[in-house]
Each structure stands twice: as structure tokens, then as C-alpha cells.
Amino acid sequence: MRALLIQHGCEAALEVLPADMKAQAKAELNKKAYSAVILCLGNKVLRKVTGETTAAGVWSKLETLYMTKSLVNKLYLKKKLYTFYMPAGRKISEHIDEFNKIVLDLVNIEVKFEDEDLALLLLTCLPASYEHFVDTLLYGRKALTLEDVMATLNSKEIKERSKAKGDDGEGLYVRGRTDRRDSAVQGER
């Protein structure tokens, strides 16, 4: 959301505006920033910020609601990450998206992780049907990165989807005339 405010040139509305700025310019900047923030919120969140009339007020309320750095919130999110698992029938892409959401929530409250630890957490939350896949991925490597794990999982999902559709590459061939045959026919004339 901050990126949207930057794009619209109204991020300054989240800060205390300079005293030498004209009142009309302040009001315009605040309206622009306020509308940009409000347009990004869903109905459920909008109801929680209805009393706020400035962009800075809405931003502050959102931080209070969703970005608390309290011990309770930090422990809740860590527990959510460490007990995260992939239910049967869920798509890998959805699972990775949910995993990234939890990690991003933790990063937003300034919890840091090593990339290798995140990669290992992602692999350990996969169901038992991925055991062989995980073993293959872990052994014989010098380094393990989250990006590599996500890319490999996405490739596996694409391959499985194409198998399910019956698109395994069989039957992909080109038929056509060869020049040799054409020249042989012309030579007989």
C-alpha cells in the first residue's frame, strides 16, 4: 500500500506535513492519500477504520490492528509457521502462497530467518506423499535456498497437472512431405 502512495506522490501524507506547506496543498495531499488507502481496503477492514478521517489516521489504525510487534503476536505467527502443513488435495502454488504470507507477516514485525531455514521449513510442511521428492531434493546439494525449493515445487506441480490432463508429450510430431520424395516424383516424369 505504501508503494501505491509513493506512486501517487502522496506518501508524505503519512508523516507530519511541513508547517510552511499551504493549507490547501495539505488538504489535497491528504485527500489523495486517504482515497488511495481506502480504495485498497476490503469491507471488513473498512469497518474497522471508519472513524479515521486522515490518511495518517487510517495508516496508524491499520498498523495497530495488523502490525503489532507484541510478544503475543510474534509467538502466534511463529507457532503458525512452525506448525504449518499442507493438507491433502491442496495445490502447491496455494501452499507456497500461504507459506509466504506467514513469513511476510513475520518479516513485517521484524522477525528474521535464514533462507536455508525457510527452505527446510517449507519442505518439512509437505505431506508424506512428498517424502521421496524431499529426500531427492535434500541430498547431494551444497546449498539449499528457498527460491530453489519453490521453483522445484512449482515445476513438480506443472508436471503433475500436465500428466493429469493427458498431455505427456506423446503424439506431438510433425507430418509433412520431404524434399527427397518430391524430387523423386518429379524425376519419374
N, C-alpha and C. Protein backbone atom coordinates (compact mmCIF):
# COMPACT_ATOMS: atom_id res chain seq x y z
N MET A 1 0.82 -1.18 0.00
CA MET A 1 0.00 0.00 0.00
C MET A 1 0.88 1.26 0.00
N ARG A 2 1.98 1.18 0.74
CA ARG A 2 2.90 2.33 0.75
C ARG A 2 3.42 2.59 -0.66
N ALA A 3 3.66 1.54 -1.42
CA ALA A 3 4.15 1.69 -2.79
C ALA A 3 3.13 2.45 -3.64
N LEU A 4 1.85 2.19 -3.41
CA LEU A 4 0.81 2.91 -4.15
C LEU A 4 0.84 4.39 -3.81
N LEU A 5 1.02 4.70 -2.53
CA LEU A 5 1.10 6.09 -2.12
C LEU A 5 2.32 6.78 -2.72
N ILE A 6 3.42 6.06 -2.80
CA ILE A 6 4.63 6.61 -3.41
C ILE A 6 4.37 6.88 -4.90
N GLN A 7 3.72 5.92 -5.55
CA GLN A 7 3.42 6.07 -6.98
C GLN A 7 2.54 7.29 -7.23
N HIS A 8 1.59 7.54 -6.33
CA HIS A 8 0.69 8.69 -6.49
C HIS A 8 1.32 9.98 -5.96
N GLY A 9 2.53 9.88 -5.41
CA GLY A 9 3.22 11.06 -4.92
C GLY A 9 2.62 11.64 -3.66
N CYS A 10 2.01 10.79 -2.84
CA CYS A 10 1.36 11.31 -1.64
C CYS A 10 1.76 10.55 -0.38
N GLU A 11 2.93 9.92 -0.38
CA GLU A 11 3.40 9.21 0.80
C GLU A 11 3.63 10.17 1.97
N ALA A 12 3.97 11.41 1.66
CA ALA A 12 4.23 12.41 2.70
C ALA A 12 3.03 12.62 3.62
N ALA A 13 1.83 12.26 3.16
CA ALA A 13 0.63 12.44 3.97
C ALA A 13 0.63 11.54 5.19
N LEU A 14 1.47 10.53 5.21
CA LEU A 14 1.56 9.63 6.36
C LEU A 14 2.43 10.22 7.46
N GLU A 15 3.19 11.24 7.12
CA GLU A 15 4.10 11.90 8.07
C GLU A 15 3.48 13.23 8.49
N VAL A 16 4.15 13.89 9.41
CA VAL A 16 3.73 15.24 9.80
C VAL A 16 4.15 16.17 8.66
N LEU A 17 3.18 16.85 8.10
CA LEU A 17 3.46 17.71 6.95
C LEU A 17 4.17 18.98 7.38
N PRO A 18 5.03 19.54 6.54
CA PRO A 18 5.78 20.75 6.90
C PRO A 18 4.86 21.93 7.20
N ALA A 19 5.27 22.73 8.13
CA ALA A 19 4.46 23.88 8.54
C ALA A 19 4.34 24.92 7.43
N ASP A 20 5.36 25.01 6.57
CA ASP A 20 5.33 26.03 5.51
C ASP A 20 4.49 25.60 4.31
N MET A 21 3.94 24.41 4.35
CA MET A 21 3.09 23.94 3.25
C MET A 21 1.72 24.60 3.38
N LYS A 22 1.17 25.05 2.27
CA LYS A 22 -0.13 25.73 2.28
C LYS A 22 -1.22 24.78 2.72
N ALA A 23 -2.22 25.30 3.39
CA ALA A 23 -3.32 24.50 3.93
C ALA A 23 -4.05 23.76 2.81
N GLN A 24 -4.24 24.42 1.68
CA GLN A 24 -4.96 23.78 0.56
C GLN A 24 -4.13 22.63 -0.01
N ALA A 25 -2.83 22.81 -0.11
CA ALA A 25 -1.95 21.74 -0.61
C ALA A 25 -1.95 20.56 0.36
N LYS A 26 -1.97 20.86 1.66
CA LYS A 26 -2.03 19.79 2.67
C LYS A 26 -3.33 19.01 2.54
N ALA A 27 -4.43 19.74 2.38
CA ALA A 27 -5.75 19.10 2.27
C ALA A 27 -5.81 18.22 1.02
N GLU A 28 -5.29 18.72 -0.11
CA GLU A 28 -5.30 17.95 -1.36
C GLU A 28 -4.45 16.68 -1.23
N LEU A 29 -3.28 16.84 -0.64
CA LEU A 29 -2.38 15.70 -0.45
C LEU A 29 -3.03 14.65 0.45
N ASN A 30 -3.66 15.11 1.52
CA ASN A 30 -4.33 14.18 2.44
C ASN A 30 -5.50 13.48 1.76
N LYS A 31 -6.31 14.20 0.99
CA LYS A 31 -7.44 13.57 0.28
C LYS A 31 -6.96 12.51 -0.70
N LYS A 32 -5.91 12.83 -1.43
CA LYS A 32 -5.36 11.91 -2.41
C LYS A 32 -4.84 10.64 -1.72
N ALA A 33 -4.09 10.81 -0.65
CA ALA A 33 -3.54 9.66 0.08
C ALA A 33 -4.66 8.87 0.76
N TYR A 34 -5.60 9.56 1.37
CA TYR A 34 -6.72 8.90 2.06
C TYR A 34 -7.51 8.03 1.09
N SER A 35 -7.83 8.58 -0.07
CA SER A 35 -8.62 7.82 -1.04
C SER A 35 -7.83 6.63 -1.57
N ALA A 36 -6.52 6.79 -1.78
CA ALA A 36 -5.70 5.67 -2.26
C ALA A 36 -5.69 4.53 -1.24
N VAL A 37 -5.57 4.85 0.03
CA VAL A 37 -5.55 3.83 1.08
C VAL A 37 -6.92 3.17 1.19
N ILE A 38 -7.96 3.96 1.23
CA ILE A 38 -9.32 3.43 1.40
C ILE A 38 -9.71 2.52 0.24
N LEU A 39 -9.31 2.86 -0.97
CA LEU A 39 -9.65 2.05 -2.14
C LEU A 39 -8.97 0.67 -2.10
N CYS A 40 -7.91 0.53 -1.33
CA CYS A 40 -7.19 -0.74 -1.25
C CYS A 40 -7.76 -1.67 -0.17
N LEU A 41 -8.66 -1.19 0.64
CA LEU A 41 -9.14 -1.97 1.77
C LEU A 41 -10.44 -2.70 1.45
N GLY A 42 -10.57 -3.89 2.01
CA GLY A 42 -11.80 -4.66 1.87
C GLY A 42 -12.84 -4.16 2.86
N ASN A 43 -14.07 -4.58 2.68
CA ASN A 43 -15.17 -4.11 3.53
C ASN A 43 -14.96 -4.39 5.00
N LYS A 44 -14.44 -5.55 5.31
CA LYS A 44 -14.21 -5.93 6.70
C LYS A 44 -13.23 -4.97 7.38
N VAL A 45 -12.17 -4.63 6.68
CA VAL A 45 -11.16 -3.72 7.22
C VAL A 45 -11.69 -2.29 7.22
N LEU A 46 -12.46 -1.92 6.21
CA LEU A 46 -13.03 -0.57 6.15
C LEU A 46 -13.88 -0.26 7.39
N ARG A 47 -14.62 -1.25 7.84
CA ARG A 47 -15.45 -1.04 9.03
C ARG A 47 -14.61 -0.75 10.26
N LYS A 48 -13.37 -1.24 10.27
CA LYS A 48 -12.50 -1.02 11.43
C LYS A 48 -11.85 0.36 11.43
N VAL A 49 -11.82 1.02 10.28
CA VAL A 49 -11.18 2.33 10.20
C VAL A 49 -12.16 3.45 9.86
N THR A 50 -13.44 3.22 10.04
CA THR A 50 -14.44 4.21 9.63
C THR A 50 -14.31 5.54 10.36
N GLY A 51 -13.84 5.55 11.58
CA GLY A 51 -13.73 6.80 12.34
C GLY A 51 -12.56 7.68 11.93
N GLU A 52 -11.65 7.16 11.16
CA GLU A 52 -10.46 7.92 10.77
C GLU A 52 -10.75 8.81 9.57
N THR A 53 -10.28 10.04 9.63
CA THR A 53 -10.57 10.99 8.55
C THR A 53 -9.33 11.41 7.77
N THR A 54 -8.16 11.00 8.22
CA THR A 54 -6.93 11.36 7.51
C THR A 54 -6.19 10.09 7.10
N ALA A 55 -5.33 10.23 6.12
CA ALA A 55 -4.53 9.09 5.66
C ALA A 55 -3.62 8.60 6.78
N ALA A 56 -3.02 9.53 7.52
CA ALA A 56 -2.15 9.16 8.63
C ALA A 56 -2.93 8.43 9.72
N GLY A 57 -4.16 8.86 9.97
CA GLY A 57 -5.01 8.20 10.96
C GLY A 57 -5.37 6.78 10.56
N VAL A 58 -5.72 6.58 9.29
CA VAL A 58 -6.05 5.25 8.77
C VAL A 58 -4.81 4.36 8.84
N TRP A 59 -3.67 4.92 8.43
CA TRP A 59 -2.42 4.16 8.43
C TRP A 59 -2.06 3.72 9.86
N SER A 60 -2.18 4.62 10.78
CA SER A 60 -1.88 4.32 12.18
C SER A 60 -2.80 3.23 12.73
N LYS A 61 -4.07 3.32 12.40
CA LYS A 61 -5.05 2.32 12.85
C LYS A 61 -4.73 0.95 12.25
N LEU A 62 -4.37 0.92 10.97
CA LEU A 62 -4.01 -0.34 10.31
C LEU A 62 -2.77 -0.96 10.95
N GLU A 63 -1.78 -0.12 11.27
CA GLU A 63 -0.58 -0.63 11.94
C GLU A 63 -0.94 -1.21 13.31
N THR A 64 -1.81 -0.54 14.03
CA THR A 64 -2.23 -1.03 15.34
C THR A 64 -2.96 -2.36 15.22
N LEU A 65 -3.80 -2.49 14.20
CA LEU A 65 -4.58 -3.71 14.02
C LEU A 65 -3.76 -4.88 13.50
N TYR A 66 -2.86 -4.62 12.56
CA TYR A 66 -2.23 -5.72 11.84
C TYR A 66 -0.71 -5.82 11.95
N MET A 67 -0.08 -4.83 12.49
CA MET A 67 1.38 -4.85 12.52
C MET A 67 1.95 -4.78 13.94
N THR A 68 1.19 -5.23 14.90
CA THR A 68 1.68 -5.15 16.27
C THR A 68 2.88 -6.05 16.45
N LYS A 69 3.88 -5.52 17.12
CA LYS A 69 5.13 -6.24 17.32
C LYS A 69 5.17 -6.83 18.72
N SER A 70 4.02 -7.06 19.28
CA SER A 70 3.98 -7.59 20.63
C SER A 70 4.49 -9.03 20.66
N LEU A 71 4.90 -9.45 21.84
CA LEU A 71 5.39 -10.81 22.01
C LEU A 71 4.31 -11.82 21.65
N VAL A 72 3.08 -11.54 22.05
CA VAL A 72 1.97 -12.47 21.78
C VAL A 72 1.79 -12.65 20.28
N ASN A 73 1.79 -11.56 19.52
CA ASN A 73 1.61 -11.63 18.07
C ASN A 73 2.79 -12.36 17.43
N LYS A 74 4.00 -12.05 17.87
CA LYS A 74 5.19 -12.69 17.33
C LYS A 74 5.15 -14.20 17.58
N LEU A 75 4.81 -14.60 18.79
CA LEU A 75 4.76 -16.02 19.11
C LEU A 75 3.63 -16.73 18.36
N TYR A 76 2.50 -16.05 18.20
CA TYR A 76 1.39 -16.62 17.45
C TYR A 76 1.81 -16.90 16.01
N LEU A 77 2.46 -15.93 15.38
CA LEU A 77 2.88 -16.10 13.98
C LEU A 77 3.97 -17.16 13.85
N LYS A 78 4.90 -17.20 14.81
CA LYS A 78 5.94 -18.23 14.77
C LYS A 78 5.33 -19.62 14.92
N LYS A 79 4.37 -19.74 15.84
CA LYS A 79 3.70 -21.04 16.03
C LYS A 79 2.96 -21.43 14.75
N LYS A 80 2.33 -20.45 14.11
CA LYS A 80 1.62 -20.71 12.87
C LYS A 80 2.58 -21.21 11.79
N LEU A 81 3.78 -20.63 11.73
CA LEU A 81 4.78 -21.05 10.75
C LEU A 81 5.31 -22.44 11.07
N TYR A 82 5.65 -22.68 12.33
CA TYR A 82 6.28 -23.95 12.70
C TYR A 82 5.30 -25.13 12.69
N THR A 83 4.02 -24.86 12.77
CA THR A 83 3.03 -25.95 12.72
C THR A 83 2.30 -25.99 11.38
N PHE A 84 2.74 -25.21 10.44
CA PHE A 84 2.13 -25.13 9.12
C PHE A 84 2.34 -26.44 8.37
N TYR A 85 1.30 -26.94 7.73
CA TYR A 85 1.41 -28.16 6.94
C TYR A 85 0.49 -28.04 5.73
N MET A 86 0.74 -28.90 4.77
CA MET A 86 -0.05 -28.88 3.54
C MET A 86 -1.11 -29.97 3.58
N PRO A 87 -2.38 -29.58 3.62
CA PRO A 87 -3.43 -30.59 3.61
C PRO A 87 -3.51 -31.31 2.26
N ALA A 88 -3.97 -32.54 2.28
CA ALA A 88 -4.10 -33.32 1.04
C ALA A 88 -5.06 -32.61 0.09
N GLY A 89 -4.72 -32.65 -1.17
CA GLY A 89 -5.58 -32.06 -2.20
C GLY A 89 -5.32 -30.59 -2.47
N ARG A 90 -4.47 -29.96 -1.69
CA ARG A 90 -4.18 -28.55 -1.89
C ARG A 90 -3.13 -28.40 -2.98
N LYS A 91 -3.26 -27.38 -3.79
CA LYS A 91 -2.28 -27.11 -4.85
C LYS A 91 -1.01 -26.56 -4.21
N ILE A 92 0.11 -26.93 -4.79
CA ILE A 92 1.41 -26.45 -4.31
C ILE A 92 1.48 -24.92 -4.36
N SER A 93 0.98 -24.34 -5.42
CA SER A 93 1.04 -22.88 -5.56
C SER A 93 0.28 -22.19 -4.43
N GLU A 94 -0.88 -22.74 -4.05
CA GLU A 94 -1.64 -22.17 -2.93
C GLU A 94 -0.88 -22.34 -1.62
N HIS A 95 -0.25 -23.49 -1.46
CA HIS A 95 0.50 -23.78 -0.25
C HIS A 95 1.70 -22.83 -0.12
N ILE A 96 2.42 -22.63 -1.20
CA ILE A 96 3.56 -21.71 -1.19
C ILE A 96 3.10 -20.29 -0.91
N ASP A 97 1.98 -19.90 -1.50
CA ASP A 97 1.45 -18.56 -1.27
C ASP A 97 1.12 -18.34 0.20
N GLU A 98 0.48 -19.31 0.83
CA GLU A 98 0.13 -19.21 2.26
C GLU A 98 1.40 -19.19 3.12
N PHE A 99 2.38 -20.01 2.76
CA PHE A 99 3.66 -20.03 3.48
C PHE A 99 4.33 -18.66 3.39
N ASN A 100 4.38 -18.09 2.18
CA ASN A 100 4.98 -16.76 2.00
C ASN A 100 4.24 -15.68 2.77
N LYS A 101 2.93 -15.80 2.88
CA LYS A 101 2.13 -14.83 3.63
C LYS A 101 2.53 -14.84 5.11
N ILE A 102 2.67 -16.02 5.67
CA ILE A 102 3.06 -16.13 7.08
C ILE A 102 4.46 -15.56 7.29
N VAL A 103 5.38 -15.91 6.40
CA VAL A 103 6.76 -15.41 6.51
C VAL A 103 6.78 -13.89 6.37
N LEU A 104 6.02 -13.34 5.44
CA LEU A 104 5.97 -11.89 5.25
C LEU A 104 5.40 -11.20 6.47
N ASP A 105 4.37 -11.79 7.07
CA ASP A 105 3.82 -11.22 8.30
C ASP A 105 4.88 -11.16 9.40
N LEU A 106 5.69 -12.19 9.49
CA LEU A 106 6.77 -12.21 10.49
C LEU A 106 7.86 -11.19 10.14
N VAL A 107 8.21 -11.09 8.88
CA VAL A 107 9.21 -10.11 8.47
C VAL A 107 8.73 -8.69 8.76
N ASN A 108 7.43 -8.45 8.56
CA ASN A 108 6.87 -7.12 8.82
C ASN A 108 6.93 -6.72 10.28
N ILE A 109 7.01 -7.70 11.17
CA ILE A 109 7.17 -7.35 12.59
C ILE A 109 8.60 -7.60 13.04
N GLU A 110 9.50 -7.58 12.05
CA GLU A 110 10.94 -7.62 12.25
C GLU A 110 11.48 -8.92 12.84
N VAL A 111 10.88 -10.05 12.44
CA VAL A 111 11.42 -11.36 12.77
C VAL A 111 12.22 -11.80 11.56
N LYS A 112 13.46 -12.17 11.78
CA LYS A 112 14.36 -12.53 10.67
C LYS A 112 14.61 -14.04 10.67
N PHE A 113 14.76 -14.59 9.46
CA PHE A 113 15.04 -16.01 9.26
C PHE A 113 16.19 -16.16 8.28
N GLU A 114 16.92 -17.23 8.41
CA GLU A 114 17.91 -17.59 7.41
C GLU A 114 17.16 -18.24 6.25
N ASP A 115 17.63 -17.99 5.03
CA ASP A 115 16.99 -18.53 3.84
C ASP A 115 16.94 -20.06 3.87
N GLU A 116 18.00 -20.68 4.29
CA GLU A 116 18.06 -22.15 4.35
C GLU A 116 17.03 -22.70 5.34
N ASP A 117 16.83 -22.00 6.46
CA ASP A 117 15.83 -22.44 7.44
C ASP A 117 14.42 -22.38 6.87
N LEU A 118 14.13 -21.32 6.12
CA LEU A 118 12.81 -21.20 5.48
C LEU A 118 12.61 -22.30 4.45
N ALA A 119 13.66 -22.60 3.69
CA ALA A 119 13.57 -23.66 2.68
C ALA A 119 13.27 -25.00 3.36
N LEU A 120 13.95 -25.26 4.47
CA LEU A 120 13.73 -26.50 5.20
C LEU A 120 12.34 -26.55 5.82
N LEU A 121 11.87 -25.43 6.34
CA LEU A 121 10.51 -25.38 6.89
C LEU A 121 9.47 -25.67 5.81
N LEU A 122 9.67 -25.12 4.63
CA LEU A 122 8.74 -25.37 3.53
C LEU A 122 8.73 -26.85 3.15
N LEU A 123 9.88 -27.46 3.12
CA LEU A 123 9.95 -28.88 2.78
C LEU A 123 9.34 -29.77 3.85
N THR A 124 9.51 -29.41 5.11
CA THR A 124 9.00 -30.27 6.19
C THR A 124 7.50 -30.14 6.38
N CYS A 125 6.89 -29.13 5.80
CA CYS A 125 5.43 -29.00 5.96
C CYS A 125 4.67 -29.68 4.83
N LEU A 126 5.38 -30.37 3.96
CA LEU A 126 4.73 -31.11 2.87
C LEU A 126 4.19 -32.44 3.39
N PRO A 127 3.14 -32.97 2.77
CA PRO A 127 2.59 -34.25 3.21
C PRO A 127 3.53 -35.42 2.93
N ALA A 128 3.22 -36.56 3.51
CA ALA A 128 4.05 -37.76 3.38
C ALA A 128 4.23 -38.19 1.94
N SER A 129 3.29 -37.88 1.07
CA SER A 129 3.39 -38.27 -0.33
C SER A 129 4.58 -37.59 -1.03
N TYR A 130 5.14 -36.55 -0.42
CA TYR A 130 6.28 -35.84 -0.99
C TYR A 130 7.61 -36.30 -0.39
N GLU A 131 7.59 -37.35 0.42
CA GLU A 131 8.79 -37.79 1.13
C GLU A 131 9.94 -38.08 0.17
N HIS A 132 9.67 -38.83 -0.89
CA HIS A 132 10.73 -39.16 -1.85
C HIS A 132 11.25 -37.89 -2.54
N PHE A 133 10.35 -37.02 -2.89
CA PHE A 133 10.70 -35.75 -3.51
C PHE A 133 11.63 -34.93 -2.61
N VAL A 134 11.26 -34.84 -1.32
CA VAL A 134 12.06 -34.08 -0.35
C VAL A 134 13.44 -34.71 -0.20
N ASP A 135 13.49 -36.03 -0.08
CA ASP A 135 14.78 -36.72 0.05
C ASP A 135 15.67 -36.44 -1.15
N THR A 136 15.11 -36.51 -2.32
CA THR A 136 15.86 -36.26 -3.55
C THR A 136 16.38 -34.83 -3.58
N LEU A 137 15.57 -33.91 -3.13
CA LEU A 137 15.94 -32.50 -3.16
C LEU A 137 17.02 -32.17 -2.12
N LEU A 138 16.96 -32.82 -0.97
CA LEU A 138 17.90 -32.50 0.11
C LEU A 138 19.30 -33.07 -0.08
N TYR A 139 19.38 -34.27 -0.59
CA TYR A 139 20.68 -34.93 -0.65
C TYR A 139 21.42 -34.61 -1.93
N GLY A 140 22.73 -34.48 -1.81
CA GLY A 140 23.57 -34.21 -2.96
C GLY A 140 23.68 -32.74 -3.31
N ARG A 141 23.25 -31.88 -2.40
CA ARG A 141 23.32 -30.44 -2.63
C ARG A 141 24.39 -29.82 -1.74
N LYS A 142 24.95 -28.73 -2.22
CA LYS A 142 25.90 -27.98 -1.39
C LYS A 142 25.19 -26.88 -0.63
N ALA A 143 24.08 -26.41 -1.17
CA ALA A 143 23.31 -25.34 -0.53
C ALA A 143 21.83 -25.53 -0.84
N LEU A 144 21.01 -25.06 0.05
CA LEU A 144 19.56 -25.14 -0.12
C LEU A 144 18.98 -23.74 0.04
N THR A 145 18.30 -23.27 -1.00
CA THR A 145 17.70 -21.94 -0.93
C THR A 145 16.19 -22.06 -1.07
N LEU A 146 15.50 -21.11 -0.48
CA LEU A 146 14.04 -21.09 -0.56
C LEU A 146 13.59 -20.94 -2.01
N GLU A 147 14.29 -20.12 -2.76
CA GLU A 147 13.93 -19.91 -4.17
C GLU A 147 14.02 -21.21 -4.97
N ASP A 148 15.08 -21.99 -4.74
CA ASP A 148 15.24 -23.26 -5.44
C ASP A 148 14.12 -24.23 -5.07
N VAL A 149 13.78 -24.29 -3.79
CA VAL A 149 12.74 -25.20 -3.34
C VAL A 149 11.40 -24.82 -3.96
N MET A 150 11.07 -23.53 -3.94
CA MET A 150 9.79 -23.08 -4.51
C MET A 150 9.75 -23.34 -6.02
N ALA A 151 10.84 -23.08 -6.71
CA ALA A 151 10.87 -23.32 -8.16
C ALA A 151 10.71 -24.80 -8.48
N THR A 152 11.37 -25.65 -7.70
CA THR A 152 11.27 -27.09 -7.92
C THR A 152 9.86 -27.60 -7.63
N LEU A 153 9.26 -27.10 -6.56
CA LEU A 153 7.88 -27.50 -6.23
C LEU A 153 6.91 -27.04 -7.31
N ASN A 154 7.09 -25.82 -7.80
CA ASN A 154 6.22 -25.32 -8.87
C ASN A 154 6.38 -26.15 -10.13
N SER A 155 7.60 -26.53 -10.46
CA SER A 155 7.84 -27.38 -11.64
C SER A 155 7.16 -28.73 -11.48
N LYS A 156 7.24 -29.28 -10.28
CA LYS A 156 6.59 -30.57 -9.99
C LYS A 156 5.08 -30.46 -10.18
N GLU A 157 4.50 -29.36 -9.70
CA GLU A 157 3.06 -29.17 -9.84
C GLU A 157 2.66 -29.04 -11.31
N ILE A 158 3.44 -28.32 -12.08
CA ILE A 158 3.15 -28.17 -13.52
C ILE A 158 3.22 -29.52 -14.22
N LYS A 159 4.23 -30.29 -13.88
CA LYS A 159 4.38 -31.62 -14.48
C LYS A 159 3.19 -32.52 -14.12
N GLU A 160 2.77 -32.48 -12.86
CA GLU A 160 1.64 -33.31 -12.43
C GLU A 160 0.34 -32.86 -13.10
N ARG A 161 0.17 -31.56 -13.28
CA ARG A 161 -1.03 -31.07 -13.95
C ARG A 161 -1.07 -31.51 -15.41
N SER A 162 0.09 -31.48 -16.07
CA SER A 162 0.10 -31.89 -17.47
C SER A 162 -0.14 -33.38 -17.60
N LYS A 163 0.33 -34.18 -16.64
CA LYS A 163 0.05 -35.62 -16.65
C LYS A 163 -1.44 -35.87 -16.45
N ALA A 164 -2.05 -35.12 -15.55
CA ALA A 164 -3.48 -35.29 -15.26
C ALA A 164 -4.33 -34.96 -16.48
N LYS A 165 -3.87 -34.02 -17.29
CA LYS A 165 -4.60 -33.65 -18.50
C LYS A 165 -4.31 -34.59 -19.66
N GLY A 166 -3.38 -35.50 -19.46
CA GLY A 166 -3.02 -36.42 -20.53
C GLY A 166 -2.08 -35.81 -21.52
N ASP A 167 -1.46 -34.71 -21.15
CA ASP A 167 -0.53 -34.00 -22.03
C ASP A 167 0.89 -34.37 -21.66
N ASP A 168 1.27 -35.61 -21.97
CA ASP A 168 2.60 -36.07 -21.59
C ASP A 168 3.60 -35.97 -22.73
N GLY A 169 3.22 -35.32 -23.80
CA GLY A 169 4.15 -35.13 -24.91
C GLY A 169 4.01 -36.17 -26.00
N GLU A 170 3.34 -37.27 -25.71
CA GLU A 170 3.17 -38.29 -26.74
C GLU A 170 2.22 -37.76 -27.80
N GLY A 171 2.47 -38.10 -28.98
CA GLY A 171 1.60 -37.66 -30.07
C GLY A 171 1.99 -36.31 -30.63
N LEU A 172 3.05 -35.75 -30.13
CA LEU A 172 3.50 -34.47 -30.67
C LEU A 172 4.54 -34.76 -31.75
N TYR A 173 4.11 -34.77 -32.97
CA TYR A 173 5.02 -34.99 -34.07
C TYR A 173 4.52 -34.20 -35.27
N VAL A 174 5.40 -34.02 -36.22
CA VAL A 174 5.06 -33.23 -37.39
C VAL A 174 5.07 -34.13 -38.60
N ARG A 175 4.03 -34.03 -39.36
CA ARG A 175 3.98 -34.79 -40.62
C ARG A 175 4.13 -33.80 -41.75
N GLY A 176 4.83 -34.21 -42.74
CA GLY A 176 4.99 -33.32 -43.89
C GLY A 176 5.70 -34.04 -45.01
N ARG A 177 5.79 -33.43 -46.11
CA ARG A 177 6.46 -34.03 -47.26
C ARG A 177 7.94 -33.71 -47.19
N THR A 178 8.71 -34.63 -47.61
CA THR A 178 10.15 -34.39 -47.66
C THR A 178 10.52 -33.97 -49.07
N ASP A 179 11.61 -33.26 -49.17
CA ASP A 179 12.08 -32.82 -50.49
C ASP A 179 12.50 -34.00 -51.35
N ARG A 180 13.04 -35.04 -50.71
CA ARG A 180 13.50 -36.22 -51.43
C ARG A 180 12.34 -36.85 -52.18
N ARG A 181 11.21 -36.97 -51.52
CA ARG A 181 10.06 -37.60 -52.16
C ARG A 181 9.56 -36.74 -53.32
N ASP A 182 9.53 -35.43 -53.09
CA ASP A 182 9.08 -34.54 -54.14
C ASP A 182 10.00 -34.61 -55.37
N SER A 183 11.29 -34.68 -55.12
CA SER A 183 12.22 -34.72 -56.24
C SER A 183 12.14 -36.07 -56.97
N ALA A 184 11.84 -37.14 -56.21
CA ALA A 184 11.73 -38.46 -56.83
C ALA A 184 10.52 -38.49 -57.75
N VAL A 185 9.44 -37.87 -57.35
CA VAL A 185 8.24 -37.83 -58.16
C VAL A 185 8.51 -37.02 -59.42
N GLN A 186 9.22 -35.91 -59.29
CA GLN A 186 9.50 -35.09 -60.46
C GLN A 186 10.45 -35.81 -61.43
N GLY A 187 11.37 -36.63 -60.89
CA GLY A 187 12.32 -37.35 -61.72
C GLY A 187 11.67 -38.43 -62.54
N GLU A 188 10.54 -38.96 -62.10
CA GLU A 188 9.85 -40.02 -62.84
C GLU A 188 9.07 -39.46 -64.00
N ARG A 189 8.82 -38.21 -64.03
CA ARG A 189 8.00 -37.63 -65.10
C ARG A 189 8.72 -37.54 -66.34
